[in-house]
Amino acid sequence: MDAAVVPLRDLALAELARLCESEALRRSPMHARLLRYLVEHALAHDRLALTETAIAIAVFRRDPRSYDANVDPIVRVSVGRLRTRLGAWYAQAAGPRALRILLPRGRYVPEFVLTGAGAGPRARIAVLDMRNASGRPRYDPFCRRFERALAEALVGAGERLVDRRPRSALSRRAALARDDDLAECVVDSVLTTDHDGALRITVRAIDAVDRHVRWVETVADAPCACATLGRRVTARVIARLAMPAGAEG
């Protein structure tokens, strides 16, 4: 059946089963167990289970009362080795695959990459509504224009967005993902005013799994330069998101 009409969950579970029976993982039960845990919890959108501590306790049986990720790197080391195994396996595996399971560096949420004809790029970004924290309702229309312009600029730069989310989505565990899309990060923006009356836009990129702030961009300008301010911030956000993984700071 065409990958385009098979639910992503079914394709991912089928690929997980193939990988666990493959030469790459058959001789490493611990890596197979780790991959199964990561994939199943990602498909269930159980992001709390995909933190380093949760993985250490559930997969590697670490004592929650004494486990310290700074002292015991078991999760980072094991995921790194699993990533290497998967990369080597896919590099030499024969036959077409409708989907590949990848482990991006720096996080523990697997990527489910469609490889069949017509498969589109995976969504990376969820954009939250801009918050007007200036105390001045007259800037509400500007906030709405900015968030729309930012979303359009991201699409124009080649990003495929998860639907724009209301701000309350940040606190709802499953709201940042749909059945066929798992966002990697959330773009959160806020408008404030400085003591001298200048407007300031601050944009944060937040990891959708552990809520870690990857980076922050902030730009201020005079109230009469709203349009210019929006364009400057948007350009910085696009540049940040274009950076290779690991280069964000």
C-alpha atoms as a PDB file:
ATOM      1  CA  MET A   1       0.000   0.000   0.000  1.00  0.00           C
ATOM      2  CA  ASP A   2       1.199   3.524  -0.772  1.00  0.00           C
ATOM      3  CA  ALA A   3       2.863   5.214   2.213  1.00  0.00           C
ATOM      4  CA  ALA A   4       0.733   8.286   1.516  1.00  0.00           C
ATOM      5  CA  VAL A   5      -2.453   6.477   2.574  1.00  0.00           C
ATOM      6  CA  VAL A   6      -1.070   4.422   5.463  1.00  0.00           C
ATOM      7  CA  PRO A   7      -1.205   6.139   8.885  1.00  0.00           C
ATOM      8  CA  LEU A   8       2.228   7.242  10.030  1.00  0.00           C
ATOM      9  CA  ARG A   9       1.778   5.316  13.285  1.00  0.00           C
ATOM     10  CA  ASP A  10       1.323   2.029  11.397  1.00  0.00           C
ATOM     11  CA  LEU A  11       4.354   2.686   9.209  1.00  0.00           C
ATOM     12  CA  ALA A  12       6.481   3.573  12.240  1.00  0.00           C
ATOM     13  CA  LEU A  13       5.463   0.471  14.188  1.00  0.00           C
ATOM     14  CA  ALA A  14       6.133  -1.736  11.177  1.00  0.00           C
ATOM     15  CA  GLU A  15       9.590  -0.207  10.765  1.00  0.00           C
ATOM     16  CA  LEU A  16      10.250  -0.579  14.495  1.00  0.00           C
ATOM     17  CA  ALA A  17       9.445  -4.290  14.259  1.00  0.00           C
ATOM     18  CA  ARG A  18      11.801  -4.697  11.274  1.00  0.00           C
ATOM     19  CA  LEU A  19      14.598  -2.884  13.074  1.00  0.00           C
ATOM     20  CA  CYS A  20      14.233  -4.949  16.242  1.00  0.00           C
ATOM     21  CA  GLU A  21      14.512  -8.126  14.145  1.00  0.00           C
ATOM     22  CA  SER A  22      17.434  -6.792  12.109  1.00  0.00           C
ATOM     23  CA  GLU A  23      21.079  -7.683  12.516  1.00  0.00           C
ATOM     24  CA  ALA A  24      21.627  -4.157  13.829  1.00  0.00           C
ATOM     25  CA  LEU A  25      19.585  -4.733  16.989  1.00  0.00           C
ATOM     26  CA  ARG A  26      19.056  -8.476  17.344  1.00  0.00           C
ATOM     27  CA  ARG A  27      22.412  -8.836  19.069  1.00  0.00           C
ATOM     28  CA  SER A  28      21.799  -5.803  21.281  1.00  0.00           C
ATOM     29  CA  PRO A  29      18.595  -6.341  23.292  1.00  0.00           C
ATOM     30  CA  MET A  30      19.195  -3.198  25.335  1.00  0.00           C
ATOM     31  CA  HIS A  31      19.359  -1.001  22.234  1.00  0.00           C
ATOM     32  CA  ALA A  32      16.244  -2.676  20.865  1.00  0.00           C
ATOM     33  CA  ARG A  33      14.457  -2.040  24.151  1.00  0.00           C
ATOM     34  CA  LEU A  34      15.597   1.581  24.127  1.00  0.00           C
ATOM     35  CA  LEU A  35      14.409   2.147  20.557  1.00  0.00           C
ATOM     36  CA  ARG A  36      11.041   0.543  21.264  1.00  0.00           C
ATOM     37  CA  TYR A  37      10.577   2.778  24.300  1.00  0.00           C
ATOM     38  CA  LEU A  38      11.465   5.954  22.379  1.00  0.00           C
ATOM     39  CA  VAL A  39       9.275   5.141  19.390  1.00  0.00           C
ATOM     40  CA  GLU A  40       6.212   4.010  21.328  1.00  0.00           C
ATOM     41  CA  HIS A  41       6.230   7.032  23.629  1.00  0.00           C
ATOM     42  CA  ALA A  42       6.812   9.415  20.735  1.00  0.00           C
ATOM     43  CA  LEU A  43       3.844   7.948  18.855  1.00  0.00           C
ATOM     44  CA  ALA A  44       1.754   8.289  22.024  1.00  0.00           C
ATOM     45  CA  HIS A  45       2.867  11.946  22.302  1.00  0.00           C
ATOM     46  CA  ASP A  46       4.020  11.136  25.835  1.00  0.00           C
ATOM     47  CA  ARG A  47       6.688  13.786  25.964  1.00  0.00           C
ATOM     48  CA  LEU A  48       7.187  13.593  29.714  1.00  0.00           C
ATOM     49  CA  ALA A  49       8.443  10.039  29.173  1.00  0.00           C
ATOM     50  CA  LEU A  50      11.081  11.250  26.704  1.00  0.00           C
ATOM     51  CA  THR A  51      13.273  13.172  29.121  1.00  0.00           C
ATOM     52  CA  GLU A  52      16.707  11.903  30.098  1.00  0.00           C
ATOM     53  CA  THR A  53      15.630  11.096  33.646  1.00  0.00           C
ATOM     54  CA  ALA A  54      12.462   9.280  32.589  1.00  0.00           C
ATOM     55  CA  ILE A  55      14.412   7.157  30.102  1.00  0.00           C
ATOM     56  CA  ALA A  56      17.087   6.327  32.678  1.00  0.00           C
ATOM     57  CA  ILE A  57      14.484   5.110  35.158  1.00  0.00           C
ATOM     58  CA  ALA A  58      12.236   3.208  32.726  1.00  0.00           C
ATOM     59  CA  VAL A  59      14.783   1.669  30.366  1.00  0.00           C
ATOM     60  CA  PHE A  60      17.976   1.430  32.399  1.00  0.00           C
ATOM     61  CA  ARG A  61      16.336   0.777  35.796  1.00  0.00           C
ATOM     62  CA  ARG A  62      18.083   3.660  37.520  1.00  0.00           C
ATOM     63  CA  ASP A  63      16.891   4.474  41.019  1.00  0.00           C
ATOM     64  CA  PRO A  64      14.825   7.695  40.833  1.00  0.00           C
ATOM     65  CA  ARG A  65      15.964   8.628  44.334  1.00  0.00           C
ATOM     66  CA  SER A  66      19.644   8.718  43.419  1.00  0.00           C
ATOM     67  CA  TYR A  67      19.908   9.099  39.646  1.00  0.00           C
ATOM     68  CA  ASP A  68      21.884  12.154  38.527  1.00  0.00           C
ATOM     69  CA  ALA A  69      22.298  12.712  34.771  1.00  0.00           C
ATOM     70  CA  ASN A  70      25.400  14.825  35.390  1.00  0.00           C
ATOM     71  CA  VAL A  71      27.129  11.862  37.012  1.00  0.00           C
ATOM     72  CA  ASP A  72      25.603   8.965  35.081  1.00  0.00           C
ATOM     73  CA  PRO A  73      25.553   9.554  31.277  1.00  0.00           C
ATOM     74  CA  ILE A  74      23.968   6.178  30.471  1.00  0.00           C
ATOM     75  CA  VAL A  75      21.118   7.687  28.435  1.00  0.00           C
ATOM     76  CA  ARG A  76      23.260  10.029  26.340  1.00  0.00           C
ATOM     77  CA  VAL A  77      25.855   7.353  25.651  1.00  0.00           C
ATOM     78  CA  SER A  78      23.297   4.659  24.794  1.00  0.00           C
ATOM     79  CA  VAL A  79      21.236   6.895  22.527  1.00  0.00           C
ATOM     80  CA  GLY A  80      24.424   7.961  20.750  1.00  0.00           C
ATOM     81  CA  ARG A  81      25.408   4.351  20.145  1.00  0.00           C
ATOM     82  CA  LEU A  82      21.881   3.496  19.009  1.00  0.00           C
ATOM     83  CA  ARG A  83      21.982   6.424  16.583  1.00  0.00           C
ATOM     84  CA  THR A  84      25.236   5.070  15.151  1.00  0.00           C
ATOM     85  CA  ARG A  85      23.769   1.575  14.778  1.00  0.00           C
ATOM     86  CA  LEU A  86      20.704   2.877  12.962  1.00  0.00           C
ATOM     87  CA  GLY A  87      22.773   5.063  10.660  1.00  0.00           C
ATOM     88  CA  ALA A  88      25.044   2.179   9.717  1.00  0.00           C
ATOM     89  CA  TRP A  89      22.090  -0.147   9.179  1.00  0.00           C
ATOM     90  CA  TYR A  90      20.206   2.236   6.933  1.00  0.00           C
ATOM     91  CA  ALA A  91      23.381   2.921   4.966  1.00  0.00           C
ATOM     92  CA  GLN A  92      23.693  -0.726   3.938  1.00  0.00           C
ATOM     93  CA  ALA A  93      20.120  -2.043   4.203  1.00  0.00           C
ATOM     94  CA  ALA A  94      18.686  -3.382   0.971  1.00  0.00           C
ATOM     95  CA  GLY A  95      15.193  -2.786  -0.345  1.00  0.00           C
ATOM     96  CA  PRO A  96      12.901   0.241  -0.310  1.00  0.00           C
ATOM     97  CA  ARG A  97      11.378   1.524   2.908  1.00  0.00           C
ATOM     98  CA  ALA A  98       8.277   3.668   3.259  1.00  0.00           C
ATOM     99  CA  LEU A  99       9.639   5.230   6.456  1.00  0.00           C
ATOM    100  CA  ARG A 100      12.883   5.544   8.376  1.00  0.00           C
ATOM    101  CA  ILE A 101      13.296   6.077  12.103  1.00  0.00           C
ATOM    102  CA  LEU A 102      16.015   8.582  12.914  1.00  0.00           C
ATOM    103  CA  LEU A 103      17.395   9.887  16.223  1.00  0.00           C
ATOM    104  CA  PRO A 104      18.310  13.591  15.913  1.00  0.00           C
ATOM    105  CA  ARG A 105      21.306  14.768  17.897  1.00  0.00           C
ATOM    106  CA  GLY A 106      20.576  16.661  21.061  1.00  0.00           C
ATOM    107  CA  ARG A 107      17.146  15.218  21.835  1.00  0.00           C
ATOM    108  CA  TYR A 108      15.400  11.929  22.509  1.00  0.00           C
ATOM    109  CA  VAL A 109      12.334  12.152  20.261  1.00  0.00           C
ATOM    110  CA  PRO A 110      12.701   9.946  17.165  1.00  0.00           C
ATOM    111  CA  GLU A 111      11.988  11.381  13.735  1.00  0.00           C
ATOM    112  CA  PHE A 112       9.684   9.441  11.431  1.00  0.00           C
ATOM    113  CA  VAL A 113      10.821  10.300   7.910  1.00  0.00           C
ATOM    114  CA  LEU A 114       8.637   9.224   5.007  1.00  0.00           C
ATOM    115  CA  THR A 115      10.703   8.066   2.065  1.00  0.00           C
ATOM    116  CA  GLY A 116       7.975   7.013  -0.390  1.00  0.00           C
ATOM    117  CA  ALA A 117       6.884   8.985  -3.449  1.00  0.00           C
ATOM    118  CA  GLY A 118       5.061  12.146  -2.555  1.00  0.00           C
ATOM    119  CA  ALA A 119       6.251  12.212   1.044  1.00  0.00           C
ATOM    120  CA  GLY A 120       6.476  15.810   2.192  1.00  0.00           C
ATOM    121  CA  PRO A 121       8.986  17.357   4.581  1.00  0.00           C
ATOM    122  CA  ARG A 122       8.402  16.847   8.268  1.00  0.00           C
ATOM    123  CA  ALA A 123       6.998  19.707  10.295  1.00  0.00           C
ATOM    124  CA  ARG A 124       9.500  21.229  12.695  1.00  0.00           C
ATOM    125  CA  ILE A 125       7.855  24.352  14.046  1.00  0.00           C
ATOM    126  CA  ALA A 126       4.754  25.186  16.069  1.00  0.00           C
ATOM    127  CA  VAL A 127       4.089  28.934  16.313  1.00  0.00           C
ATOM    128  CA  LEU A 128       2.316  30.272  19.388  1.00  0.00           C
ATOM    129  CA  ASP A 129       0.135  33.371  19.248  1.00  0.00           C
ATOM    130  CA  MET A 130       2.135  36.494  20.062  1.00  0.00           C
ATOM    131  CA  ARG A 131       1.498  37.851  23.561  1.00  0.00           C
ATOM    132  CA  ASN A 132       0.989  41.577  24.048  1.00  0.00           C
ATOM    133  CA  ALA A 133       2.600  42.310  27.412  1.00  0.00           C
ATOM    134  CA  SER A 134       2.950  46.033  26.783  1.00  0.00           C
ATOM    135  CA  GLY A 135      -0.228  46.858  28.676  1.00  0.00           C
ATOM    136  CA  ARG A 136      -1.460  48.738  25.604  1.00  0.00           C
ATOM    137  CA  PRO A 137      -4.339  47.075  23.728  1.00  0.00           C
ATOM    138  CA  ARG A 138      -3.686  49.247  20.672  1.00  0.00           C
ATOM    139  CA  TYR A 139      -0.775  46.941  19.853  1.00  0.00           C
ATOM    140  CA  ASP A 140      -3.008  43.851  19.636  1.00  0.00           C
ATOM    141  CA  PRO A 141      -3.475  44.220  15.835  1.00  0.00           C
ATOM    142  CA  PHE A 142       0.291  44.518  15.406  1.00  0.00           C
ATOM    143  CA  CYS A 143       0.786  41.281  17.373  1.00  0.00           C
ATOM    144  CA  ARG A 144      -1.674  39.463  15.103  1.00  0.00           C
ATOM    145  CA  ARG A 145       0.050  40.832  11.979  1.00  0.00           C
ATOM    146  CA  PHE A 146       3.468  39.876  13.314  1.00  0.00           C
ATOM    147  CA  GLU A 147       2.581  36.266  14.109  1.00  0.00           C
ATOM    148  CA  ARG A 148       0.997  35.823  10.649  1.00  0.00           C
ATOM    149  CA  ALA A 149       4.006  37.399   8.943  1.00  0.00           C
ATOM    150  CA  LEU A 150       6.397  35.224  10.941  1.00  0.00           C
ATOM    151  CA  ALA A 151       4.505  32.045  10.008  1.00  0.00           C
ATOM    152  CA  GLU A 152       4.463  33.065   6.336  1.00  0.00           C
ATOM    153  CA  ALA A 153       8.190  33.845   6.425  1.00  0.00           C
ATOM    154  CA  LEU A 154       8.945  30.443   7.955  1.00  0.00           C
ATOM    155  CA  VAL A 155       6.991  28.709   5.213  1.00  0.00           C
ATOM    156  CA  GLY A 156       8.771  30.832   2.615  1.00  0.00           C
ATOM    157  CA  ALA A 157      12.102  29.759   4.104  1.00  0.00           C
ATOM    158  CA  GLY A 158      11.202  26.109   3.582  1.00  0.00           C
ATOM    159  CA  GLU A 159       9.747  25.208   6.977  1.00  0.00           C
ATOM    160  CA  ARG A 160       6.556  23.155   7.228  1.00  0.00           C
ATOM    161  CA  LEU A 161       4.597  24.358  10.216  1.00  0.00           C
ATOM    162  CA  VAL A 162       2.449  22.509  12.655  1.00  0.00           C
ATOM    163  CA  ASP A 163      -0.778  24.548  12.751  1.00  0.00           C
ATOM    164  CA  ARG A 164      -0.365  27.821  14.656  1.00  0.00           C
ATOM    165  CA  ARG A 165      -1.330  27.204  18.272  1.00  0.00           C
ATOM    166  CA  PRO A 166      -3.045  29.341  20.875  1.00  0.00           C
ATOM    167  CA  ARG A 167      -0.750  30.269  23.743  1.00  0.00           C
ATOM    168  CA  SER A 168      -2.485  27.859  26.142  1.00  0.00           C
ATOM    169  CA  ALA A 169      -1.160  25.016  23.978  1.00  0.00           C
ATOM    170  CA  LEU A 170       2.249  25.326  25.615  1.00  0.00           C
ATOM    171  CA  SER A 171       0.888  23.753  28.783  1.00  0.00           C
ATOM    172  CA  ARG A 172      -1.047  20.954  27.084  1.00  0.00           C
ATOM    173  CA  ARG A 173       1.138  17.928  26.569  1.00  0.00           C
ATOM    174  CA  ALA A 174      -0.518  16.683  23.368  1.00  0.00           C
ATOM    175  CA  ALA A 175      -1.398  20.051  21.848  1.00  0.00           C
ATOM    176  CA  LEU A 176       1.976  20.515  20.169  1.00  0.00           C
ATOM    177  CA  ALA A 177       1.553  17.473  17.968  1.00  0.00           C
ATOM    178  CA  ARG A 178      -0.977  15.847  15.694  1.00  0.00           C
ATOM    179  CA  ASP A 179      -1.182  12.207  14.741  1.00  0.00           C
ATOM    180  CA  ASP A 180       0.953  12.831  11.653  1.00  0.00           C
ATOM    181  CA  ASP A 181       3.187  15.687  12.831  1.00  0.00           C
ATOM    182  CA  LEU A 182       5.552  16.039  15.776  1.00  0.00           C
ATOM    183  CA  ALA A 183       6.965  19.524  16.182  1.00  0.00           C
ATOM    184  CA  GLU A 184      10.582  19.792  17.228  1.00  0.00           C
ATOM    185  CA  CYS A 185      10.282  23.255  18.702  1.00  0.00           C
ATOM    186  CA  VAL A 186       7.823  25.981  19.637  1.00  0.00           C
ATOM    187  CA  VAL A 187       8.308  29.604  18.575  1.00  0.00           C
ATOM    188  CA  ASP A 188       7.039  31.871  21.350  1.00  0.00           C
ATOM    189  CA  SER A 189       6.969  35.675  20.934  1.00  0.00           C
ATOM    190  CA  VAL A 190       6.056  38.550  23.247  1.00  0.00           C
ATOM    191  CA  LEU A 191       5.755  42.333  22.812  1.00  0.00           C
ATOM    192  CA  THR A 192       6.842  44.566  25.701  1.00  0.00           C
ATOM    193  CA  THR A 193       7.773  48.225  26.219  1.00  0.00           C
ATOM    194  CA  ASP A 194      11.054  49.517  27.619  1.00  0.00           C
ATOM    195  CA  HIS A 195      11.309  52.241  30.266  1.00  0.00           C
ATOM    196  CA  ASP A 196      11.936  54.832  27.540  1.00  0.00           C
ATOM    197  CA  GLY A 197       8.802  53.833  25.613  1.00  0.00           C
ATOM    198  CA  ALA A 198      10.549  51.742  22.956  1.00  0.00           C
ATOM    199  CA  LEU A 199       8.823  48.573  21.765  1.00  0.00           C
ATOM    200  CA  ARG A 200      10.634  45.293  22.263  1.00  0.00           C
ATOM    201  CA  ILE A 201       9.901  41.954  20.598  1.00  0.00           C
ATOM    202  CA  THR A 202      11.379  38.853  22.208  1.00  0.00           C
ATOM    203  CA  VAL A 203      11.201  35.507  20.418  1.00  0.00           C
ATOM    204  CA  ARG A 204      12.158  32.234  22.095  1.00  0.00           C
ATOM    205  CA  ALA A 205      12.624  28.828  20.491  1.00  0.00           C
ATOM    206  CA  ILE A 206      11.522  26.236  23.039  1.00  0.00           C
ATOM    207  CA  ASP A 207      12.258  22.532  22.738  1.00  0.00           C
ATOM    208  CA  ALA A 208       8.877  20.827  22.378  1.00  0.00           C
ATOM    209  CA  VAL A 209      10.000  17.863  24.490  1.00  0.00           C
ATOM    210  CA  ASP A 210      11.745  19.172  27.587  1.00  0.00           C
ATOM    211  CA  ARG A 211      10.722  22.873  27.350  1.00  0.00           C
ATOM    212  CA  HIS A 212      14.404  23.881  27.296  1.00  0.00           C
ATOM    213  CA  VAL A 213      14.909  27.312  25.698  1.00  0.00           C
ATOM    214  CA  ARG A 214      17.213  26.772  22.730  1.00  0.00           C
ATOM    215  CA  TRP A 215      17.777  30.449  21.973  1.00  0.00           C
ATOM    216  CA  VAL A 216      16.329  33.923  22.410  1.00  0.00           C
ATOM    217  CA  GLU A 217      16.223  36.845  19.973  1.00  0.00           C
ATOM    218  CA  THR A 218      15.184  40.317  21.129  1.00  0.00           C
ATOM    219  CA  VAL A 219      15.030  43.606  19.227  1.00  0.00           C
ATOM    220  CA  ALA A 220      13.796  47.037  20.304  1.00  0.00           C
ATOM    221  CA  ASP A 221      12.797  50.084  18.282  1.00  0.00           C
ATOM    222  CA  ALA A 222      10.665  53.203  18.470  1.00  0.00           C
ATOM    223  CA  PRO A 223       6.868  52.724  18.443  1.00  0.00           C
ATOM    224  CA  CYS A 224       6.671  54.474  15.078  1.00  0.00           C
ATOM    225  CA  ALA A 225       8.895  51.754  13.547  1.00  0.00           C
ATOM    226  CA  CYS A 226       6.656  48.751  14.241  1.00  0.00           C
ATOM    227  CA  ALA A 227       6.890  47.350  10.704  1.00  0.00           C
ATOM    228  CA  THR A 228      10.676  47.633  10.644  1.00  0.00           C
ATOM    229  CA  LEU A 229      10.900  46.052  14.084  1.00  0.00           C
ATOM    230  CA  GLY A 230       8.817  43.086  12.944  1.00  0.00           C
ATOM    231  CA  ARG A 231      10.941  42.557   9.843  1.00  0.00           C
ATOM    232  CA  ARG A 232      14.199  42.721  11.828  1.00  0.00           C
ATOM    233  CA  VAL A 233      13.034  40.127  14.335  1.00  0.00           C
ATOM    234  CA  THR A 234      11.655  37.851  11.614  1.00  0.00           C
ATOM    235  CA  ALA A 235      14.995  37.946   9.761  1.00  0.00           C
ATOM    236  CA  ARG A 236      16.837  36.963  12.936  1.00  0.00           C
ATOM    237  CA  VAL A 237      14.446  34.089  13.628  1.00  0.00           C
ATOM    238  CA  ILE A 238      14.840  32.739  10.088  1.00  0.00           C
ATOM    239  CA  ALA A 239      18.628  32.926  10.419  1.00  0.00           C
ATOM    240  CA  ARG A 240      18.538  31.107  13.751  1.00  0.00           C
ATOM    241  CA  LEU A 241      16.334  28.288  12.482  1.00  0.00           C
ATOM    242  CA  ALA A 242      18.579  27.865   9.448  1.00  0.00           C
ATOM    243  CA  MET A 243      21.554  27.053  11.673  1.00  0.00           C
ATOM    244  CA  PRO A 244      22.705  23.408  11.707  1.00  0.00           C
ATOM    245  CA  ALA A 245      21.664  21.330  14.714  1.00  0.00           C
ATOM    246  CA  GLY A 246      24.008  21.993  17.608  1.00  0.00           C
ATOM    247  CA  ALA A 247      24.990  25.446  16.354  1.00  0.00           C
ATOM    248  CA  GLU A 248      22.151  27.202  18.180  1.00  0.00           C
ATOM    249  CA  GLY A 249      23.296  28.964  21.278  1.00  0.00           C
END
